[in-house]
Amino acid sequence: MEAFKILFSTSTGLMSLGVIVFIIGMGWFFARMFARKMREDGEAAKARDAAQRR
């Protein structure tokens, strides 16, 4: 429990908490961005393949 007290009450703890939240948010953002890019690239590849077969 002492660790949580330090995390939420000291300036160093609050900065650490901010960094942790930022890193988690950045990971969420990049995961969504990469998933969207992979989906778009897959759709574009399918469209290219369909156009080449004609």
Protein backbone atom coordinates (compact mmCIF):
# COMPACT_ATOMS: atom_id res chain seq x y z
CA MET A 1 0.00 0.00 0.00
CA GLU A 2 2.93 2.33 0.57
CA ALA A 3 3.77 2.16 -3.14
CA PHE A 4 0.30 3.43 -4.10
CA LYS A 5 0.59 6.24 -1.54
CA ILE A 6 3.89 7.32 -3.09
CA LEU A 7 2.54 6.90 -6.64
CA PHE A 8 -0.45 9.17 -6.07
CA SER A 9 0.97 11.72 -3.63
CA THR A 10 4.51 12.66 -4.71
CA SER A 11 5.53 14.62 -7.77
CA THR A 12 7.76 11.77 -8.93
CA GLY A 13 4.94 9.28 -8.50
CA LEU A 14 2.48 11.45 -10.40
CA MET A 15 4.97 11.92 -13.24
CA SER A 16 5.49 8.15 -13.34
CA LEU A 17 1.74 7.62 -13.41
CA GLY A 18 1.45 10.12 -16.27
CA VAL A 19 4.11 8.30 -18.25
CA ILE A 20 2.43 4.93 -17.65
CA VAL A 21 -0.93 6.27 -18.82
CA PHE A 22 0.69 7.93 -21.84
CA ILE A 23 2.50 4.74 -22.89
CA ILE A 24 -0.69 2.67 -22.58
CA GLY A 25 -2.58 5.26 -24.66
CA MET A 26 0.17 5.33 -27.27
CA GLY A 27 0.10 1.53 -27.50
CA TRP A 28 -3.68 1.58 -27.97
CA PHE A 29 -3.37 4.27 -30.67
CA PHE A 30 -0.66 2.42 -32.60
CA ALA A 31 -2.49 -0.92 -32.35
CA ARG A 32 -5.61 0.67 -33.88
CA MET A 33 -3.60 2.49 -36.55
CA PHE A 34 -1.64 -0.63 -37.58
CA ALA A 35 -4.79 -2.77 -37.66
CA ARG A 36 -6.52 -0.20 -39.89
CA LYS A 37 -3.51 0.05 -42.23
CA MET A 38 -3.27 -3.74 -42.53
CA ARG A 39 -6.98 -3.98 -43.32
CA GLU A 40 -6.73 -1.20 -45.93
CA ASP A 41 -3.66 -2.80 -47.49
CA GLY A 42 -5.42 -6.18 -47.67
CA GLU A 43 -8.43 -4.62 -49.37
CA ALA A 44 -6.19 -2.78 -51.83
CA ALA A 45 -4.29 -5.99 -52.63
CA LYS A 46 -7.54 -7.82 -53.30
CA ALA A 47 -8.67 -5.01 -55.61
CA ARG A 48 -5.33 -5.12 -57.48
CA ASP A 49 -5.54 -8.89 -57.87
CA ALA A 50 -9.12 -8.65 -59.15
CA ALA A 51 -8.14 -5.94 -61.63
CA GLN A 52 -5.18 -7.96 -62.93
CA ARG A 53 -7.31 -11.05 -63.52
CA ARG A 54 -9.63 -9.20 -65.88
